[in-house]
PDB file of N, CA and C in Angstrom:
ATOM      1  N   ARG A   1      -5.639   2.829   8.216  1.00  0.00           N
ATOM      2  CA  ARG A   1      -5.348   2.356   6.879  1.00  0.00           C
ATOM      3  C   ARG A   1      -4.239   3.202   6.286  1.00  0.00           C
ATOM      4  N   ALA A   2      -3.257   2.570   5.708  1.00  0.00           N
ATOM      5  CA  ALA A   2      -2.126   3.275   5.110  1.00  0.00           C
ATOM      6  C   ALA A   2      -2.515   3.834   3.753  1.00  0.00           C
ATOM      7  N   SER A   3      -1.924   4.955   3.397  1.00  0.00           N
ATOM      8  CA  SER A   3      -2.163   5.538   2.079  1.00  0.00           C
ATOM      9  C   SER A   3      -0.835   5.657   1.345  1.00  0.00           C
ATOM     10  N   MET A   4      -0.932   5.856   0.070  1.00  0.00           N
ATOM     11  CA  MET A   4       0.251   6.022  -0.782  1.00  0.00           C
ATOM     12  C   MET A   4       0.534   7.513  -0.952  1.00  0.00           C
ATOM     13  N   ASP A   5       1.805   7.838  -1.134  1.00  0.00           N
ATOM     14  CA  ASP A   5       2.180   9.217  -1.446  1.00  0.00           C
ATOM     15  C   ASP A   5       2.341   9.419  -2.942  1.00  0.00           C
ATOM     16  N   VAL A   6       2.785   8.367  -3.630  1.00  0.00           N
ATOM     17  CA  VAL A   6       2.999   8.436  -5.069  1.00  0.00           C
ATOM     18  C   VAL A   6       2.488   7.144  -5.698  1.00  0.00           C
ATOM     19  N   VAL A   7       1.745   7.296  -6.784  1.00  0.00           N
ATOM     20  CA  VAL A   7       1.305   6.154  -7.589  1.00  0.00           C
ATOM     21  C   VAL A   7       1.822   6.395  -9.001  1.00  0.00           C
ATOM     22  N   PHE A   8       2.511   5.390  -9.563  1.00  0.00           N
ATOM     23  CA  PHE A   8       3.036   5.475 -10.921  1.00  0.00           C
ATOM     24  C   PHE A   8       2.212   4.576 -11.839  1.00  0.00           C
ATOM     25  N   GLY A   9       2.036   5.013 -13.077  1.00  0.00           N
ATOM     26  CA  GLY A   9       1.347   4.168 -14.045  1.00  0.00           C
ATOM     27  C   GLY A   9       1.766   4.500 -15.463  1.00  0.00           C
ATOM     28  N   SER A  10       1.780   3.461 -16.289  1.00  0.00           N
ATOM     29  CA  SER A  10       2.119   3.627 -17.702  1.00  0.00           C
ATOM     30  C   SER A  10       1.357   2.583 -18.502  1.00  0.00           C
ATOM     31  N   ASP A  11       0.955   2.951 -19.712  1.00  0.00           N
ATOM     32  CA  ASP A  11       0.197   2.034 -20.575  1.00  0.00           C
ATOM     33  C   ASP A  11      -1.026   1.487 -19.850  1.00  0.00           C
ATOM     34  N   LEU A  12      -1.814   2.390 -19.298  1.00  0.00           N
ATOM     35  CA  LEU A  12      -2.963   1.999 -18.477  1.00  0.00           C
ATOM     36  C   LEU A  12      -4.298   2.091 -19.196  1.00  0.00           C
ATOM     37  N   VAL A  13      -4.403   2.955 -20.166  1.00  0.00           N
ATOM     38  CA  VAL A  13      -5.712   3.194 -20.777  1.00  0.00           C
ATOM     39  C   VAL A  13      -5.669   2.943 -22.283  1.00  0.00           C
ATOM     40  N   TYR A  14      -6.438   1.957 -22.695  1.00  0.00           N
ATOM     41  CA  TYR A  14      -6.566   1.642 -24.112  1.00  0.00           C
ATOM     42  C   TYR A  14      -7.992   1.864 -24.600  1.00  0.00           C
ATOM     43  N   VAL A  15      -8.944   1.699 -23.690  1.00  0.00           N
ATOM     44  CA  VAL A  15     -10.355   1.908 -24.011  1.00  0.00           C
ATOM     45  C   VAL A  15     -10.957   2.815 -22.940  1.00  0.00           C
ATOM     46  N   SER A  16     -11.975   3.550 -23.311  1.00  0.00           N
ATOM     47  CA  SER A  16     -12.520   4.591 -22.430  1.00  0.00           C
ATOM     48  C   SER A  16     -13.151   4.054 -21.149  1.00  0.00           C
ATOM     49  N   ASN A  17     -13.644   2.830 -21.148  1.00  0.00           N
ATOM     50  CA  ASN A  17     -14.337   2.343 -19.957  1.00  0.00           C
ATOM     51  C   ASN A  17     -13.398   2.007 -18.794  1.00  0.00           C
ATOM     52  N   VAL A  18     -12.094   2.131 -18.967  1.00  0.00           N
ATOM     53  CA  VAL A  18     -11.175   1.889 -17.848  1.00  0.00           C
ATOM     54  C   VAL A  18     -10.701   3.176 -17.185  1.00  0.00           C
ATOM     55  N   VAL A  19     -10.979   4.329 -17.796  1.00  0.00           N
ATOM     56  CA  VAL A  19     -10.452   5.588 -17.256  1.00  0.00           C
ATOM     57  C   VAL A  19     -11.091   5.923 -15.910  1.00  0.00           C
ATOM     58  N   GLU A  20     -12.398   5.819 -15.813  1.00  0.00           N
ATOM     59  CA  GLU A  20     -13.062   6.139 -14.547  1.00  0.00           C
ATOM     60  C   GLU A  20     -12.638   5.188 -13.418  1.00  0.00           C
ATOM     61  N   PRO A  21     -12.620   3.867 -13.619  1.00  0.00           N
ATOM     62  CA  PRO A  21     -12.134   2.979 -12.550  1.00  0.00           C
ATOM     63  C   PRO A  21     -10.681   3.244 -12.173  1.00  0.00           C
ATOM     64  N   LEU A  22      -9.866   3.659 -13.140  1.00  0.00           N
ATOM     65  CA  LEU A  22      -8.476   3.993 -12.843  1.00  0.00           C
ATOM     66  C   LEU A  22      -8.406   5.126 -11.831  1.00  0.00           C
ATOM     67  N   PHE A  23      -9.135   6.217 -12.082  1.00  0.00           N
ATOM     68  CA  PHE A  23      -9.060   7.363 -11.170  1.00  0.00           C
ATOM     69  C   PHE A  23      -9.760   7.083  -9.839  1.00  0.00           C
ATOM     70  N   GLN A  24     -10.747   6.221  -9.833  1.00  0.00           N
ATOM     71  CA  GLN A  24     -11.350   5.796  -8.561  1.00  0.00           C
ATOM     72  C   GLN A  24     -10.313   5.041  -7.725  1.00  0.00           C
ATOM     73  N   THR A  25      -9.559   4.167  -8.378  1.00  0.00           N
ATOM     74  CA  THR A  25      -8.511   3.404  -7.685  1.00  0.00           C
ATOM     75  C   THR A  25      -7.409   4.324  -7.177  1.00  0.00           C
ATOM     76  N   VAL A  26      -6.969   5.249  -8.010  1.00  0.00           N
ATOM     77  CA  VAL A  26      -5.913   6.185  -7.603  1.00  0.00           C
ATOM     78  C   VAL A  26      -6.393   7.049  -6.437  1.00  0.00           C
ATOM     79  N   ALA A  27      -7.624   7.538  -6.493  1.00  0.00           N
ATOM     80  CA  ALA A  27      -8.168   8.344  -5.393  1.00  0.00           C
ATOM     81  C   ALA A  27      -8.193   7.528  -4.100  1.00  0.00           C
ATOM     82  N   THR A  28      -8.536   6.251  -4.197  1.00  0.00           N
ATOM     83  CA  THR A  28      -8.554   5.383  -3.010  1.00  0.00           C
ATOM     84  C   THR A  28      -7.144   5.210  -2.465  1.00  0.00           C
ATOM     85  N   LEU A  29      -6.179   4.997  -3.331  1.00  0.00           N
ATOM     86  CA  LEU A  29      -4.787   4.806  -2.889  1.00  0.00           C
ATOM     87  C   LEU A  29      -4.197   6.069  -2.281  1.00  0.00           C
ATOM     88  N   LEU A  30      -4.579   7.233  -2.795  1.00  0.00           N
ATOM     89  CA  LEU A  30      -4.030   8.499  -2.286  1.00  0.00           C
ATOM     90  C   LEU A  30      -4.813   9.053  -1.096  1.00  0.00           C
ATOM     91  N   HIS A  31      -5.957   8.481  -0.809  1.00  0.00           N
ATOM     92  CA  HIS A  31      -6.783   8.967   0.290  1.00  0.00           C
ATOM     93  C   HIS A  31      -5.959   9.016   1.583  1.00  0.00           C
ATOM     94  N   GLY A  32      -5.962  10.160   2.232  1.00  0.00           N
ATOM     95  CA  GLY A  32      -5.212  10.331   3.473  1.00  0.00           C
ATOM     96  C   GLY A  32      -3.805  10.861   3.276  1.00  0.00           C
ATOM     97  N   SER A  33      -3.377  11.021   2.052  1.00  0.00           N
ATOM     98  CA  SER A  33      -2.055  11.580   1.768  1.00  0.00           C
ATOM     99  C   SER A  33      -2.247  13.005   1.255  1.00  0.00           C
ATOM    100  N   PRO A  34      -1.954  14.013   2.083  1.00  0.00           N
ATOM    101  CA  PRO A  34      -2.239  15.398   1.704  1.00  0.00           C
ATOM    102  C   PRO A  34      -1.478  15.879   0.466  1.00  0.00           C
ATOM    103  N   ASN A  35      -0.325  15.280   0.178  1.00  0.00           N
ATOM    104  CA  ASN A  35       0.472  15.700  -0.977  1.00  0.00           C
ATOM    105  C   ASN A  35       0.632  14.580  -1.995  1.00  0.00           C
ATOM    106  N   GLY A  36      -0.266  13.611  -1.966  1.00  0.00           N
ATOM    107  CA  GLY A  36      -0.151  12.470  -2.864  1.00  0.00           C
ATOM    108  C   GLY A  36      -0.297  12.858  -4.327  1.00  0.00           C
ATOM    109  N   ILE A  37       0.470  12.173  -5.171  1.00  0.00           N
ATOM    110  CA  ILE A  37       0.413  12.431  -6.607  1.00  0.00           C
ATOM    111  C   ILE A  37       0.321  11.122  -7.386  1.00  0.00           C
ATOM    112  N   PHE A  38      -0.218  11.233  -8.578  1.00  0.00           N
ATOM    113  CA  PHE A  38      -0.290  10.130  -9.527  1.00  0.00           C
ATOM    114  C   PHE A  38       0.500  10.557 -10.755  1.00  0.00           C
ATOM    115  N   VAL A  39       1.551   9.810 -11.080  1.00  0.00           N
ATOM    116  CA  VAL A  39       2.393  10.097 -12.238  1.00  0.00           C
ATOM    117  C   VAL A  39       2.016   9.087 -13.316  1.00  0.00           C
ATOM    118  N   MET A  40       1.544   9.589 -14.451  1.00  0.00           N
ATOM    119  CA  MET A  40       1.077   8.700 -15.499  1.00  0.00           C
ATOM    120  C   MET A  40       1.712   9.029 -16.842  1.00  0.00           C
ATOM    121  N   ALA A  41       2.314   8.014 -17.451  1.00  0.00           N
ATOM    122  CA  ALA A  41       2.820   8.143 -18.815  1.00  0.00           C
ATOM    123  C   ALA A  41       1.710   7.727 -19.770  1.00  0.00           C
ATOM    124  N   TYR A  42       1.572   8.476 -20.849  1.00  0.00           N
ATOM    125  CA  TYR A  42       0.511   8.217 -21.815  1.00  0.00           C
ATOM    126  C   TYR A  42       1.085   8.243 -23.218  1.00  0.00           C
ATOM    127  N   CYS A  43       0.708   7.258 -24.002  1.00  0.00           N
ATOM    128  CA  CYS A  43       1.016   7.227 -25.418  1.00  0.00           C
ATOM    129  C   CYS A  43      -0.243   6.762 -26.122  1.00  0.00           C
ATOM    130  N   ALA A  44      -0.683   7.506 -27.111  1.00  0.00           N
ATOM    131  CA  ALA A  44      -1.898   7.117 -27.832  1.00  0.00           C
ATOM    132  C   ALA A  44      -1.677   5.754 -28.475  1.00  0.00           C
ATOM    133  N   ARG A  45      -2.624   4.874 -28.246  1.00  0.00           N
ATOM    134  CA  ARG A  45      -2.553   3.525 -28.805  1.00  0.00           C
ATOM    135  C   ARG A  45      -3.663   3.333 -29.808  1.00  0.00           C
ATOM    136  N   ARG A  46      -3.363   2.688 -30.852  1.00  0.00           N
ATOM    137  CA  ARG A  46      -4.376   2.331 -31.836  1.00  0.00           C
ATOM    138  C   ARG A  46      -4.909   0.963 -31.451  1.00  0.00           C
ATOM    139  N   THR A  47      -6.187   0.877 -31.210  1.00  0.00           N
ATOM    140  CA  THR A  47      -6.773  -0.400 -30.809  1.00  0.00           C
ATOM    141  C   THR A  47      -7.514  -1.028 -31.976  1.00  0.00           C
ATOM    142  N   HIS A  48      -7.676  -2.311 -31.900  1.00  0.00           N
ATOM    143  CA  HIS A  48      -8.400  -3.035 -32.941  1.00  0.00           C
ATOM    144  C   HIS A  48      -9.851  -3.267 -32.548  1.00  0.00           C
ATOM    145  N   CYS A  49     -10.216  -2.801 -31.366  1.00  0.00           N
ATOM    146  CA  CYS A  49     -11.602  -2.974 -30.944  1.00  0.00           C
ATOM    147  C   CYS A  49     -12.451  -1.836 -31.512  1.00  0.00           C
ATOM    148  N   GLU A  50     -13.742  -1.966 -31.351  1.00  0.00           N
ATOM    149  CA  GLU A  50     -14.659  -0.979 -31.937  1.00  0.00           C
ATOM    150  C   GLU A  50     -14.785   0.292 -31.108  1.00  0.00           C
ATOM    151  N   GLU A  51     -14.299   0.278 -29.887  1.00  0.00           N
ATOM    152  CA  GLU A  51     -14.407   1.455 -29.032  1.00  0.00           C
ATOM    153  C   GLU A  51     -13.420   2.524 -29.501  1.00  0.00           C
ATOM    154  N   LYS A  52     -13.802   3.799 -29.344  1.00  0.00           N
ATOM    155  CA  LYS A  52     -12.935   4.887 -29.813  1.00  0.00           C
ATOM    156  C   LYS A  52     -11.660   4.972 -28.974  1.00  0.00           C
ATOM    157  N   GLN A  53     -10.635   5.489 -29.587  1.00  0.00           N
ATOM    158  CA  GLN A  53      -9.347   5.655 -28.923  1.00  0.00           C
ATOM    159  C   GLN A  53      -9.474   6.641 -27.765  1.00  0.00           C
ATOM    160  N   VAL A  54      -8.810   6.368 -26.678  1.00  0.00           N
ATOM    161  CA  VAL A  54      -8.819   7.265 -25.522  1.00  0.00           C
ATOM    162  C   VAL A  54      -7.849   8.414 -25.792  1.00  0.00           C
ATOM    163  N   THR A  55      -8.313   9.639 -25.572  1.00  0.00           N
ATOM    164  CA  THR A  55      -7.468  10.814 -25.772  1.00  0.00           C
ATOM    165  C   THR A  55      -7.086  11.415 -24.421  1.00  0.00           C
ATOM    166  N   LEU A  56      -6.103  12.303 -24.448  1.00  0.00           N
ATOM    167  CA  LEU A  56      -5.749  13.022 -23.220  1.00  0.00           C
ATOM    168  C   LEU A  56      -6.933  13.821 -22.710  1.00  0.00           C
ATOM    169  N   ALA A  57      -7.720  14.391 -23.603  1.00  0.00           N
ATOM    170  CA  ALA A  57      -8.905  15.157 -23.180  1.00  0.00           C
ATOM    171  C   ALA A  57      -9.881  14.266 -22.421  1.00  0.00           C
ATOM    172  N   ASP A  58     -10.052  13.018 -22.859  1.00  0.00           N
ATOM    173  CA  ASP A  58     -10.913  12.070 -22.139  1.00  0.00           C
ATOM    174  C   ASP A  58     -10.383  11.828 -20.730  1.00  0.00           C
ATOM    175  N   ILE A  59      -9.077  11.634 -20.636  1.00  0.00           N
ATOM    176  CA  ILE A  59      -8.446  11.364 -19.337  1.00  0.00           C
ATOM    177  C   ILE A  59      -8.584  12.577 -18.424  1.00  0.00           C
ATOM    178  N   PHE A  60      -8.307  13.774 -18.955  1.00  0.00           N
ATOM    179  CA  PHE A  60      -8.401  14.983 -18.138  1.00  0.00           C
ATOM    180  C   PHE A  60      -9.824  15.214 -17.646  1.00  0.00           C
ATOM    181  N   SER A  61     -10.791  14.970 -18.483  1.00  0.00           N
ATOM    182  CA  SER A  61     -12.187  15.160 -18.100  1.00  0.00           C
ATOM    183  C   SER A  61     -12.557  14.287 -16.900  1.00  0.00           C
ATOM    184  N   VAL A  62     -12.173  13.029 -16.942  1.00  0.00           N
ATOM    185  CA  VAL A  62     -12.457  12.123 -15.826  1.00  0.00           C
ATOM    186  C   VAL A  62     -11.654  12.534 -14.589  1.00  0.00           C
ATOM    187  N   ALA A  63     -10.384  12.881 -14.785  1.00  0.00           N
ATOM    188  CA  ALA A  63      -9.534  13.272 -13.655  1.00  0.00           C
ATOM    189  C   ALA A  63     -10.114  14.473 -12.915  1.00  0.00           C
ATOM    190  N   VAL A  64     -10.528  15.483 -13.651  1.00  0.00           N
ATOM    191  CA  VAL A  64     -11.116  16.680 -13.035  1.00  0.00           C
ATOM    192  C   VAL A  64     -12.398  16.313 -12.293  1.00  0.00           C
ATOM    193  N   GLY A  65     -13.177  15.408 -12.858  1.00  0.00           N
ATOM    194  CA  GLY A  65     -14.400  14.952 -12.203  1.00  0.00           C
ATOM    195  C   GLY A  65     -14.144  14.285 -10.867  1.00  0.00           C
ATOM    196  N   PHE A  66     -12.964  13.677 -10.710  1.00  0.00           N
ATOM    197  CA  PHE A  66     -12.585  13.057  -9.446  1.00  0.00           C
ATOM    198  C   PHE A  66     -11.815  14.018  -8.538  1.00  0.00           C
ATOM    199  N   GLY A  67     -11.660  15.267  -8.969  1.00  0.00           N
ATOM    200  CA  GLY A  67     -11.014  16.269  -8.127  1.00  0.00           C
ATOM    201  C   GLY A  67      -9.511  16.365  -8.295  1.00  0.00           C
ATOM    202  N   PHE A  68      -8.990  15.905  -9.427  1.00  0.00           N
ATOM    203  CA  PHE A  68      -7.555  16.000  -9.677  1.00  0.00           C
ATOM    204  C   PHE A  68      -7.241  17.219 -10.527  1.00  0.00           C
ATOM    205  N   SER A  69      -6.115  17.858 -10.223  1.00  0.00           N
ATOM    206  CA  SER A  69      -5.538  18.842 -11.143  1.00  0.00           C
ATOM    207  C   SER A  69      -4.413  18.101 -11.873  1.00  0.00           C
ATOM    208  N   HIS A  70      -3.940  18.651 -12.992  1.00  0.00           N
ATOM    209  CA  HIS A  70      -2.893  17.946 -13.725  1.00  0.00           C
ATOM    210  C   HIS A  70      -1.908  18.917 -14.345  1.00  0.00           C
ATOM    211  N   GLU A  71      -0.715  18.396 -14.557  1.00  0.00           N
ATOM    212  CA  GLU A  71       0.361  19.185 -15.155  1.00  0.00           C
ATOM    213  C   GLU A  71       1.184  18.250 -16.034  1.00  0.00           C
ATOM    214  N   CYS A  72       1.481  18.687 -17.244  1.00  0.00           N
ATOM    215  CA  CYS A  72       2.334  17.908 -18.133  1.00  0.00           C
ATOM    216  C   CYS A  72       3.792  18.185 -17.772  1.00  0.00           C
ATOM    217  N   VAL A  73       4.567  17.133 -17.517  1.00  0.00           N
ATOM    218  CA  VAL A  73       5.973  17.307 -17.150  1.00  0.00           C
ATOM    219  C   VAL A  73       6.924  16.793 -18.223  1.00  0.00           C
ATOM    220  N   VAL A  74       6.421  15.964 -19.142  1.00  0.00           N
ATOM    221  CA  VAL A  74       7.206  15.492 -20.285  1.00  0.00           C
ATOM    222  C   VAL A  74       6.288  15.496 -21.498  1.00  0.00           C
ATOM    223  N   GLU A  75       6.782  16.086 -22.582  1.00  0.00           N
ATOM    224  CA  GLU A  75       5.977  16.137 -23.802  1.00  0.00           C
ATOM    225  C   GLU A  75       6.876  15.831 -24.995  1.00  0.00           C
ATOM    226  N   GLU A  76       6.601  14.728 -25.646  1.00  0.00           N
ATOM    227  CA  GLU A  76       7.325  14.309 -26.841  1.00  0.00           C
ATOM    228  C   GLU A  76       6.318  14.125 -27.977  1.00  0.00           C
ATOM    229  N   PRO A  77       5.865  15.215 -28.603  1.00  0.00           N
ATOM    230  CA  PRO A  77       4.808  15.118 -29.611  1.00  0.00           C
ATOM    231  C   PRO A  77       5.156  14.229 -30.809  1.00  0.00           C
ATOM    232  N   LYS A  78       6.415  14.216 -31.232  1.00  0.00           N
ATOM    233  CA  LYS A  78       6.790  13.382 -32.379  1.00  0.00           C
ATOM    234  C   LYS A  78       6.560  11.904 -32.088  1.00  0.00           C
ATOM    235  N   GLU A  79       6.760  11.524 -30.838  1.00  0.00           N
ATOM    236  CA  GLU A  79       6.564  10.133 -30.424  1.00  0.00           C
ATOM    237  C   GLU A  79       5.180   9.921 -29.811  1.00  0.00           C
ATOM    238  N   ASP A  80       4.437  11.011 -29.629  1.00  0.00           N
ATOM    239  CA  ASP A  80       3.113  10.965 -28.997  1.00  0.00           C
ATOM    240  C   ASP A  80       3.184  10.400 -27.583  1.00  0.00           C
ATOM    241  N   ILE A  81       4.208  10.835 -26.834  1.00  0.00           N
ATOM    242  CA  ILE A  81       4.407  10.379 -25.454  1.00  0.00           C
ATOM    243  C   ILE A  81       4.323  11.586 -24.526  1.00  0.00           C
ATOM    244  N   TYR A  82       3.551  11.419 -23.454  1.00  0.00           N
ATOM    245  CA  TYR A  82       3.352  12.485 -22.473  1.00  0.00           C
ATOM    246  C   TYR A  82       3.391  11.892 -21.081  1.00  0.00           C
ATOM    247  N   VAL A  83       3.949  12.642 -20.151  1.00  0.00           N
ATOM    248  CA  VAL A  83       3.912  12.251 -18.745  1.00  0.00           C
ATOM    249  C   VAL A  83       3.226  13.380 -17.989  1.00  0.00           C
ATOM    250  N   HIS A  84       2.202  13.012 -17.224  1.00  0.00           N
ATOM    251  CA  HIS A  84       1.436  13.986 -16.451  1.00  0.00           C
ATOM    252  C   HIS A  84       1.494  13.648 -14.965  1.00  0.00           C
ATOM    253  N   ILE A  85       1.490  14.691 -14.174  1.00  0.00           N
ATOM    254  CA  ILE A  85       1.346  14.530 -12.724  1.00  0.00           C
ATOM    255  C   ILE A  85      -0.050  15.007 -12.367  1.00  0.00           C
ATOM    256  N   PHE A  86      -0.774  14.141 -11.678  1.00  0.00           N
ATOM    257  CA  PHE A  86      -2.119  14.462 -11.206  1.00  0.00           C
ATOM    258  C   PHE A  86      -2.055  14.622  -9.695  1.00  0.00           C
ATOM    259  N   GLN A  87      -2.518  15.762  -9.225  1.00  0.00           N
ATOM    260  CA  GLN A  87      -2.566  16.059  -7.788  1.00  0.00           C
ATOM    261  C   GLN A  87      -4.007  15.978  -7.353  1.00  0.00           C
ATOM    262  N   TRP A  88      -4.288  15.132  -6.375  1.00  0.00           N
ATOM    263  CA  TRP A  88      -5.665  14.967  -5.917  1.00  0.00           C
ATOM    264  C   TRP A  88      -5.974  16.005  -4.849  1.00  0.00           C
ATOM    265  N   LYS A  89      -7.020  16.769  -5.071  1.00  0.00           N
ATOM    266  CA  LYS A  89      -7.463  17.786  -4.106  1.00  0.00           C
ATOM    267  C   LYS A  89      -8.537  17.164  -3.229  1.00  0.00           C
ATOM    268  N   GLN A  90      -8.132  16.614  -2.089  1.00  0.00           N
ATOM    269  CA  GLN A  90      -9.080  15.970  -1.187  1.00  0.00           C
ATOM    270  C   GLN A  90     -10.052  16.988  -0.637  1.00  0.00           C
ATOM    271  N   SER A  91     -11.286  16.574  -0.492  1.00  0.00           N
ATOM    272  CA  SER A  91     -12.289  17.459   0.121  1.00  0.00           C
ATOM    273  C   SER A  91     -12.017  17.538   1.609  1.00  0.00           C
ATOM    274  N   GLU A  92     -12.261  18.676   2.154  1.00  0.00           N
ATOM    275  CA  GLU A  92     -12.011  18.903   3.583  1.00  0.00           C
ATOM    276  C   GLU A  92     -13.038  18.192   4.424  1.00  0.00           C
TER     277      GLU A  92
END
C-alpha cells in the first residue's frame, strides 16, 4: 500500500467533532512514510451552529493524542491565520 509524504489541508475544522476523524485520516495517509508531514492552515471561524468554536488548543490536544508533534511556521495574529506542520511519530 502506498503512503503519502505530505498532506496539505486548509479550512478543515469548523466544529469539534471533525478534528479526531481528520487526524485519523492523516495518520492513515502518512502510515509507512517515516518523514511524512501534515501541513495545515487554520483560521478561527465563527459558526452559526450551537457547537463551540474549534481552537488551536483543541486541535493540538487531538493531534498529540494521535502521536503528532507540531510546529507553527506561519503566524498572522491580526488576521487570526496560522500554518502548522504536524509530524507523525509512528510507533516502532
